[in-house]
Amino acid sequence: MKLLIWVTFLIAFLLILMGFFLDLLYSKKLIGFGVVTLFFIVFPLFSYYRWKDKDPKDYMLTKENLDKMRESQKQKKH
C-alpha cells in the first residue's frame, strides 16, 4: 500500500511538472490530471493507510477523554 501511494504521488507530481515545463497543446490537461490524481486518489489512499487501525473514539472530545487530558496536564505541572 505504501509503495502504491508513493508511485501514484510521483506520477501525479510528474504530470504537474510536465504540464508546467513542457510547451504542449495539452499542458493544462496534464496539470489537471495531476491535481485530480492527487486529490481523488493519493490523499484518500494516504488517509485510509494512516487511519485504518485507529479508533475514531480516541480522537473525539468525550467526557472521558477530557478527564484524561486534564489528568495529564496536572501531572506535567508537578
Protein backbone atom coordinates (compact mmCIF):
# COMPACT_ATOMS: atom_id res chain seq x y z
CA MET A 1 0.00 0.00 0.00
CA LYS A 2 2.81 2.39 0.90
CA LEU A 3 4.53 1.73 -2.42
CA LEU A 4 1.27 2.31 -4.32
CA ILE A 5 0.83 5.67 -2.60
CA TRP A 6 4.40 6.73 -3.41
CA VAL A 7 4.18 5.66 -7.05
CA THR A 8 0.84 7.39 -7.54
CA PHE A 9 2.17 10.54 -5.85
CA LEU A 10 5.22 10.58 -8.10
CA ILE A 11 3.10 10.10 -11.22
CA ALA A 12 0.79 12.95 -10.20
CA PHE A 13 3.73 15.20 -9.36
CA LEU A 14 5.43 14.42 -12.68
CA LEU A 15 2.20 15.16 -14.56
CA ILE A 16 2.00 18.57 -12.90
CA LEU A 17 5.65 19.34 -13.63
CA MET A 18 5.35 18.19 -17.23
CA GLY A 19 2.34 20.43 -17.65
CA PHE A 20 4.24 23.43 -16.36
CA PHE A 21 7.55 22.94 -18.14
CA LEU A 22 6.66 21.32 -21.47
CA ASP A 23 5.16 23.53 -24.13
CA LEU A 24 2.42 21.23 -25.41
CA LEU A 25 -1.14 21.78 -26.59
CA TYR A 26 -2.44 19.69 -23.70
CA SER A 27 -0.25 21.12 -20.92
CA LYS A 28 -3.24 22.33 -18.93
CA LYS A 29 -4.80 18.86 -19.12
CA LEU A 30 -1.62 17.33 -17.70
CA ILE A 31 -1.74 19.74 -14.78
CA GLY A 32 -5.43 18.99 -14.27
CA PHE A 33 -4.96 15.22 -14.34
CA GLY A 34 -2.08 15.57 -11.87
CA VAL A 35 -4.17 17.61 -9.44
CA VAL A 36 -7.17 15.30 -9.78
CA THR A 37 -4.93 12.29 -9.16
CA LEU A 38 -3.52 13.91 -6.04
CA PHE A 39 -6.84 14.90 -4.51
CA PHE A 40 -9.04 11.98 -5.52
CA ILE A 41 -6.57 9.07 -5.43
CA VAL A 42 -3.40 9.86 -3.44
CA PHE A 43 -4.91 11.75 -0.49
CA PRO A 44 -7.76 9.26 0.16
CA LEU A 45 -5.34 6.31 -0.09
CA PHE A 46 -2.94 8.03 2.28
CA SER A 47 -5.74 8.84 4.74
CA TYR A 48 -7.01 5.27 4.68
CA TYR A 49 -3.48 3.90 5.14
CA ARG A 50 -2.81 6.14 8.16
CA TRP A 51 -6.21 5.64 9.85
CA LYS A 52 -7.05 2.00 9.13
CA ASP A 53 -6.11 0.58 12.57
CA LYS A 54 -7.09 3.59 14.67
CA ASP A 55 -10.24 4.03 16.73
CA PRO A 56 -12.01 7.34 15.97
CA LYS A 57 -13.37 7.45 19.54
CA ASP A 58 -9.83 8.07 20.79
CA TYR A 59 -9.82 11.40 18.94
CA MET A 60 -13.30 12.64 19.90
CA LEU A 61 -13.80 15.11 22.73
CA THR A 62 -15.80 12.99 25.14
CA LYS A 63 -16.01 13.44 28.89
CA GLU A 64 -13.59 10.57 29.47
CA ASN A 65 -11.02 11.99 27.03
CA LEU A 66 -11.31 15.46 28.55
CA ASP A 67 -10.71 13.96 32.00
CA LYS A 68 -7.63 12.15 30.69
CA MET A 69 -6.30 15.39 29.21
CA ARG A 70 -6.82 17.25 32.50
CA GLU A 71 -5.06 14.49 34.44
CA SER A 72 -2.08 14.51 32.08
CA GLN A 73 -1.82 18.32 32.36
CA LYS A 74 -1.85 18.10 36.16
CA GLN A 75 0.93 15.52 36.07
CA LYS A 76 3.06 17.69 33.77
CA LYS A 77 2.79 20.69 36.12
CA HIS A 78 4.10 18.71 39.11
